[in-house]
Amino acid sequence: MDAICVHQDNPITAGKLDGDIVECPSHFWHYNIKTGELQDYLKGVKLQTYPVEERADGIYIDLQQ
């Protein structure tokens, strides 16, 4: 998932994680980390997500999407 909140382009990397939901630390918007969908306010707004695969030798993220 992209690490920048769509509201004023603030980073969400320091946000609180509760299950599948991360909270933007700047303005407290909530995103589903699996789908990227914003849980409050604007319907249909989402962050870009990327396929992730766990293998024996590491975790792989497909950034070609």
PDB file of N, CA and C in Angstrom:
ATOM      1  N   MET A   1       0.840  -1.162   0.000  1.00  0.00           N
ATOM      2  CA  MET A   1       0.000   0.000   0.000  1.00  0.00           C
ATOM      3  C   MET A   1       0.892   1.233   0.000  1.00  0.00           C
ATOM      4  N   ASP A   2       0.478   2.249  -0.725  1.00  0.00           N
ATOM      5  CA  ASP A   2       1.222   3.506  -0.695  1.00  0.00           C
ATOM      6  C   ASP A   2       1.306   4.026   0.733  1.00  0.00           C
ATOM      7  N   ALA A   3       2.352   4.764   1.037  1.00  0.00           N
ATOM      8  CA  ALA A   3       2.589   5.231   2.403  1.00  0.00           C
ATOM      9  C   ALA A   3       2.208   6.692   2.616  1.00  0.00           C
ATOM     10  N   ILE A   4       1.480   7.278   1.674  1.00  0.00           N
ATOM     11  CA  ILE A   4       1.103   8.686   1.775  1.00  0.00           C
ATOM     12  C   ILE A   4      -0.418   8.807   1.811  1.00  0.00           C
ATOM     13  N   CYS A   5      -0.934   9.459   2.837  1.00  0.00           N
ATOM     14  CA  CYS A   5      -2.371   9.685   2.984  1.00  0.00           C
ATOM     15  C   CYS A   5      -2.852  10.622   1.871  1.00  0.00           C
ATOM     16  N   VAL A   6      -4.032  10.368   1.333  1.00  0.00           N
ATOM     17  CA  VAL A   6      -4.560  11.215   0.259  1.00  0.00           C
ATOM     18  C   VAL A   6      -4.965  12.596   0.766  1.00  0.00           C
ATOM     19  N   HIS A   7      -5.068  12.753   2.069  1.00  0.00           N
ATOM     20  CA  HIS A   7      -5.428  14.042   2.665  1.00  0.00           C
ATOM     21  C   HIS A   7      -4.153  14.808   2.986  1.00  0.00           C
ATOM     22  N   GLN A   8      -3.823  15.766   2.212  1.00  0.00           N
ATOM     23  CA  GLN A   8      -2.664  16.642   2.394  1.00  0.00           C
ATOM     24  C   GLN A   8      -1.324  15.921   2.285  1.00  0.00           C
ATOM     25  N   ASP A   9      -1.291  14.764   1.624  1.00  0.00           N
ATOM     26  CA  ASP A   9      -0.046  14.047   1.318  1.00  0.00           C
ATOM     27  C   ASP A   9       0.864  13.812   2.527  1.00  0.00           C
ATOM     28  N   ASN A  10       0.292  13.463   3.648  1.00  0.00           N
ATOM     29  CA  ASN A  10       1.084  13.171   4.845  1.00  0.00           C
ATOM     30  C   ASN A  10       1.440  11.693   4.907  1.00  0.00           C
ATOM     31  N   PRO A  11       2.630  11.344   5.433  1.00  0.00           N
ATOM     32  CA  PRO A  11       3.023   9.936   5.540  1.00  0.00           C
ATOM     33  C   PRO A  11       2.204   9.211   6.607  1.00  0.00           C
ATOM     34  N   ILE A  12       1.869   7.950   6.325  1.00  0.00           N
ATOM     35  CA  ILE A  12       1.115   7.155   7.298  1.00  0.00           C
ATOM     36  C   ILE A  12       1.980   6.071   7.935  1.00  0.00           C
ATOM     37  N   THR A  13       3.270   6.089   7.652  1.00  0.00           N
ATOM     38  CA  THR A  13       4.164   5.040   8.149  1.00  0.00           C
ATOM     39  C   THR A  13       4.256   4.994   9.668  1.00  0.00           C
ATOM     40  N   ALA A  14       4.025   6.087  10.351  1.00  0.00           N
ATOM     41  CA  ALA A  14       4.067   6.106  11.816  1.00  0.00           C
ATOM     42  C   ALA A  14       2.675   5.930  12.428  1.00  0.00           C
ATOM     43  N   GLY A  15       1.696   5.600  11.585  1.00  0.00           N
ATOM     44  CA  GLY A  15       0.327   5.461  12.069  1.00  0.00           C
ATOM     45  C   GLY A  15       0.113   4.227  12.921  1.00  0.00           C
ATOM     46  N   LYS A  16      -0.933   4.269  13.743  1.00  0.00           N
ATOM     47  CA  LYS A  16      -1.293   3.127  14.586  1.00  0.00           C
ATOM     48  C   LYS A  16      -1.972   2.064  13.740  1.00  0.00           C
ATOM     49  N   LEU A  17      -1.612   0.804  13.981  1.00  0.00           N
ATOM     50  CA  LEU A  17      -2.202  -0.327  13.271  1.00  0.00           C
ATOM     51  C   LEU A  17      -3.101  -1.087  14.236  1.00  0.00           C
ATOM     52  N   ASP A  18      -4.357  -1.306  13.820  1.00  0.00           N
ATOM     53  CA  ASP A  18      -5.324  -2.060  14.615  1.00  0.00           C
ATOM     54  C   ASP A  18      -5.966  -3.081  13.689  1.00  0.00           C
ATOM     55  N   GLY A  19      -5.474  -4.317  13.736  1.00  0.00           N
ATOM     56  CA  GLY A  19      -5.957  -5.337  12.805  1.00  0.00           C
ATOM     57  C   GLY A  19      -5.533  -4.987  11.394  1.00  0.00           C
ATOM     58  N   ASP A  20      -6.503  -4.843  10.495  1.00  0.00           N
ATOM     59  CA  ASP A  20      -6.230  -4.494   9.096  1.00  0.00           C
ATOM     60  C   ASP A  20      -6.346  -2.993   8.835  1.00  0.00           C
ATOM     61  N   ILE A  21      -6.493  -2.193   9.876  1.00  0.00           N
ATOM     62  CA  ILE A  21      -6.721  -0.757   9.714  1.00  0.00           C
ATOM     63  C   ILE A  21      -5.527   0.032  10.254  1.00  0.00           C
ATOM     64  N   VAL A  22      -5.010   0.946   9.410  1.00  0.00           N
ATOM     65  CA  VAL A  22      -3.947   1.851   9.846  1.00  0.00           C
ATOM     66  C   VAL A  22      -4.540   3.253   9.922  1.00  0.00           C
ATOM     67  N   GLU A  23      -4.138   3.983  10.955  1.00  0.00           N
ATOM     68  CA  GLU A  23      -4.632   5.339  11.170  1.00  0.00           C
ATOM     69  C   GLU A  23      -3.554   6.343  10.797  1.00  0.00           C
ATOM     70  N   CYS A  24      -3.882   7.291   9.941  1.00  0.00           N
ATOM     71  CA  CYS A  24      -2.952   8.362   9.596  1.00  0.00           C
ATOM     72  C   CYS A  24      -2.685   9.186  10.855  1.00  0.00           C
ATOM     73  N   PRO A  25      -1.409   9.358  11.241  1.00  0.00           N
ATOM     74  CA  PRO A  25      -1.104  10.084  12.469  1.00  0.00           C
ATOM     75  C   PRO A  25      -1.346  11.593  12.373  1.00  0.00           C
ATOM     76  N   SER A  26      -1.510  12.121  11.178  1.00  0.00           N
ATOM     77  CA  SER A  26      -1.694  13.565  11.022  1.00  0.00           C
ATOM     78  C   SER A  26      -3.139  14.011  11.247  1.00  0.00           C
ATOM     79  N   HIS A  27      -4.086  13.305  10.609  1.00  0.00           N
ATOM     80  CA  HIS A  27      -5.486  13.740  10.691  1.00  0.00           C
ATOM     81  C   HIS A  27      -6.444  12.603  11.024  1.00  0.00           C
ATOM     82  N   PHE A  28      -5.888  11.438  11.382  1.00  0.00           N
ATOM     83  CA  PHE A  28      -6.664  10.311  11.900  1.00  0.00           C
ATOM     84  C   PHE A  28      -7.626   9.677  10.890  1.00  0.00           C
ATOM     85  N   TRP A  29      -7.301   9.749   9.607  1.00  0.00           N
ATOM     86  CA  TRP A  29      -8.066   9.001   8.609  1.00  0.00           C
ATOM     87  C   TRP A  29      -7.637   7.545   8.712  1.00  0.00           C
ATOM     88  N   HIS A  30      -8.532   6.623   8.368  1.00  0.00           N
ATOM     89  CA  HIS A  30      -8.283   5.189   8.525  1.00  0.00           C
ATOM     90  C   HIS A  30      -8.332   4.475   7.179  1.00  0.00           C
ATOM     91  N   TYR A  31      -7.334   3.624   6.938  1.00  0.00           N
ATOM     92  CA  TYR A  31      -7.231   2.861   5.692  1.00  0.00           C
ATOM     93  C   TYR A  31      -7.137   1.376   5.992  1.00  0.00           C
ATOM     94  N   ASN A  32      -7.780   0.573   5.156  1.00  0.00           N
ATOM     95  CA  ASN A  32      -7.636  -0.877   5.227  1.00  0.00           C
ATOM     96  C   ASN A  32      -6.319  -1.221   4.544  1.00  0.00           C
ATOM     97  N   ILE A  33      -5.404  -1.895   5.244  1.00  0.00           N
ATOM     98  CA  ILE A  33      -4.085  -2.175   4.673  1.00  0.00           C
ATOM     99  C   ILE A  33      -4.120  -3.247   3.590  1.00  0.00           C
ATOM    100  N   LYS A  34      -5.180  -4.047   3.536  1.00  0.00           N
ATOM    101  CA  LYS A  34      -5.282  -5.081   2.501  1.00  0.00           C
ATOM    102  C   LYS A  34      -5.859  -4.533   1.203  1.00  0.00           C
ATOM    103  N   THR A  35      -6.825  -3.615   1.307  1.00  0.00           N
ATOM    104  CA  THR A  35      -7.489  -3.093   0.111  1.00  0.00           C
ATOM    105  C   THR A  35      -7.068  -1.675  -0.239  1.00  0.00           C
ATOM    106  N   GLY A  36      -6.510  -0.949   0.735  1.00  0.00           N
ATOM    107  CA  GLY A  36      -6.149   0.448   0.541  1.00  0.00           C
ATOM    108  C   GLY A  36      -7.321   1.402   0.680  1.00  0.00           C
ATOM    109  N   GLU A  37      -8.529   0.879   0.911  1.00  0.00           N
ATOM    110  CA  GLU A  37      -9.725   1.715   0.946  1.00  0.00           C
ATOM    111  C   GLU A  37      -9.781   2.594   2.193  1.00  0.00           C
ATOM    112  N   LEU A  38     -10.150   3.852   1.964  1.00  0.00           N
ATOM    113  CA  LEU A  38     -10.380   4.793   3.052  1.00  0.00           C
ATOM    114  C   LEU A  38     -11.655   4.375   3.772  1.00  0.00           C
ATOM    115  N   GLN A  39     -11.600   4.280   5.077  1.00  0.00           N
ATOM    116  CA  GLN A  39     -12.736   3.798   5.859  1.00  0.00           C
ATOM    117  C   GLN A  39     -13.665   4.918   6.316  1.00  0.00           C
ATOM    118  N   ASP A  40     -13.208   6.153   6.278  1.00  0.00           N
ATOM    119  CA  ASP A  40     -14.035   7.279   6.710  1.00  0.00           C
ATOM    120  C   ASP A  40     -14.204   8.250   5.547  1.00  0.00           C
ATOM    121  N   TYR A  41     -15.142   9.095   5.659  1.00  0.00           N
ATOM    122  CA  TYR A  41     -15.314  10.262   4.802  1.00  0.00           C
ATOM    123  C   TYR A  41     -15.654   9.940   3.356  1.00  0.00           C
ATOM    124  N   LEU A  42     -14.691   9.835   2.476  1.00  0.00           N
ATOM    125  CA  LEU A  42     -14.919   9.774   1.032  1.00  0.00           C
ATOM    126  C   LEU A  42     -15.028   8.333   0.533  1.00  0.00           C
ATOM    127  N   LYS A  43     -16.197   7.943   0.064  1.00  0.00           N
ATOM    128  CA  LYS A  43     -16.375   6.592  -0.480  1.00  0.00           C
ATOM    129  C   LYS A  43     -15.640   6.480  -1.812  1.00  0.00           C
ATOM    130  N   GLY A  44     -15.023   5.340  -2.047  1.00  0.00           N
ATOM    131  CA  GLY A  44     -14.332   5.093  -3.307  1.00  0.00           C
ATOM    132  C   GLY A  44     -12.895   5.588  -3.352  1.00  0.00           C
ATOM    133  N   VAL A  45     -12.434   6.245  -2.294  1.00  0.00           N
ATOM    134  CA  VAL A  45     -11.053   6.723  -2.243  1.00  0.00           C
ATOM    135  C   VAL A  45     -10.190   5.615  -1.667  1.00  0.00           C
ATOM    136  N   LYS A  46      -9.053   5.349  -2.315  1.00  0.00           N
ATOM    137  CA  LYS A  46      -8.167   4.305  -1.809  1.00  0.00           C
ATOM    138  C   LYS A  46      -6.729   4.584  -2.186  1.00  0.00           C
ATOM    139  N   LEU A  47      -5.836   3.985  -1.431  1.00  0.00           N
ATOM    140  CA  LEU A  47      -4.412   4.031  -1.733  1.00  0.00           C
ATOM    141  C   LEU A  47      -4.068   2.850  -2.629  1.00  0.00           C
ATOM    142  N   GLN A  48      -3.047   2.991  -3.436  1.00  0.00           N
ATOM    143  CA  GLN A  48      -2.573   1.896  -4.284  1.00  0.00           C
ATOM    144  C   GLN A  48      -2.079   0.754  -3.403  1.00  0.00           C
ATOM    145  N   THR A  49      -2.481  -0.458  -3.716  1.00  0.00           N
ATOM    146  CA  THR A  49      -1.981  -1.636  -3.009  1.00  0.00           C
ATOM    147  C   THR A  49      -1.138  -2.466  -3.967  1.00  0.00           C
ATOM    148  N   TYR A  50      -0.312  -3.334  -3.412  1.00  0.00           N
ATOM    149  CA  TYR A  50       0.602  -4.149  -4.198  1.00  0.00           C
ATOM    150  C   TYR A  50       0.543  -5.592  -3.713  1.00  0.00           C
ATOM    151  N   PRO A  51       0.598  -6.558  -4.649  1.00  0.00           N
ATOM    152  CA  PRO A  51       0.614  -7.965  -4.241  1.00  0.00           C
ATOM    153  C   PRO A  51       1.873  -8.290  -3.433  1.00  0.00           C
ATOM    154  N   VAL A  52       1.687  -9.032  -2.351  1.00  0.00           N
ATOM    155  CA  VAL A  52       2.787  -9.424  -1.470  1.00  0.00           C
ATOM    156  C   VAL A  52       2.810 -10.938  -1.374  1.00  0.00           C
ATOM    157  N   GLU A  53       4.011 -11.510  -1.457  1.00  0.00           N
ATOM    158  CA  GLU A  53       4.167 -12.962  -1.355  1.00  0.00           C
ATOM    159  C   GLU A  53       5.270 -13.279  -0.350  1.00  0.00           C
ATOM    160  N   GLU A  54       4.938 -14.139   0.599  1.00  0.00           N
ATOM    161  CA  GLU A  54       5.935 -14.583   1.573  1.00  0.00           C
ATOM    162  C   GLU A  54       6.541 -15.888   1.078  1.00  0.00           C
ATOM    163  N   ARG A  55       7.869 -15.924   0.986  1.00  0.00           N
ATOM    164  CA  ARG A  55       8.597 -17.125   0.573  1.00  0.00           C
ATOM    165  C   ARG A  55       9.590 -17.490   1.670  1.00  0.00           C
ATOM    166  N   ALA A  56      10.184 -18.665   1.554  1.00  0.00           N
ATOM    167  CA  ALA A  56      11.155 -19.124   2.554  1.00  0.00           C
ATOM    168  C   ALA A  56      12.339 -18.163   2.677  1.00  0.00           C
ATOM    169  N   ASP A  57      12.705 -17.511   1.566  1.00  0.00           N
ATOM    170  CA  ASP A  57      13.878 -16.630   1.587  1.00  0.00           C
ATOM    171  C   ASP A  57      13.542 -15.150   1.762  1.00  0.00           C
ATOM    172  N   GLY A  58      12.289 -14.821   2.000  1.00  0.00           N
ATOM    173  CA  GLY A  58      11.951 -13.423   2.231  1.00  0.00           C
ATOM    174  C   GLY A  58      10.535 -13.072   1.833  1.00  0.00           C
ATOM    175  N   ILE A  59      10.237 -11.796   1.897  1.00  0.00           N
ATOM    176  CA  ILE A  59       8.932 -11.265   1.517  1.00  0.00           C
ATOM    177  C   ILE A  59       9.121 -10.462   0.242  1.00  0.00           C
ATOM    178  N   TYR A  60       8.272 -10.732  -0.751  1.00  0.00           N
ATOM    179  CA  TYR A  60       8.380 -10.095  -2.060  1.00  0.00           C
ATOM    180  C   TYR A  60       7.154  -9.232  -2.325  1.00  0.00           C
ATOM    181  N   ILE A  61       7.400  -8.021  -2.827  1.00  0.00           N
ATOM    182  CA  ILE A  61       6.334  -7.082  -3.169  1.00  0.00           C
ATOM    183  C   ILE A  61       6.433  -6.800  -4.658  1.00  0.00           C
ATOM    184  N   ASP A  62       5.326  -6.993  -5.380  1.00  0.00           N
ATOM    185  CA  ASP A  62       5.291  -6.751  -6.820  1.00  0.00           C
ATOM    186  C   ASP A  62       4.959  -5.282  -7.065  1.00  0.00           C
ATOM    187  N   LEU A  63       5.963  -4.485  -7.383  1.00  0.00           N
ATOM    188  CA  LEU A  63       5.778  -3.056  -7.611  1.00  0.00           C
ATOM    189  C   LEU A  63       5.463  -2.726  -9.063  1.00  0.00           C
ATOM    190  N   GLN A  64       5.284  -3.735  -9.893  1.00  0.00           N
ATOM    191  CA  GLN A  64       5.010  -3.529 -11.314  1.00  0.00           C
ATOM    192  C   GLN A  64       3.554  -3.169 -11.588  1.00  0.00           C
ATOM    193  N   GLN A  65       2.717  -3.200 -10.589  1.00  0.00           N
ATOM    194  CA  GLN A  65       1.283  -2.936 -10.754  1.00  0.00           C
ATOM    195  C   GLN A  65       1.027  -1.535 -11.222  1.00  0.00           C
TER     196      GLN A  65
END
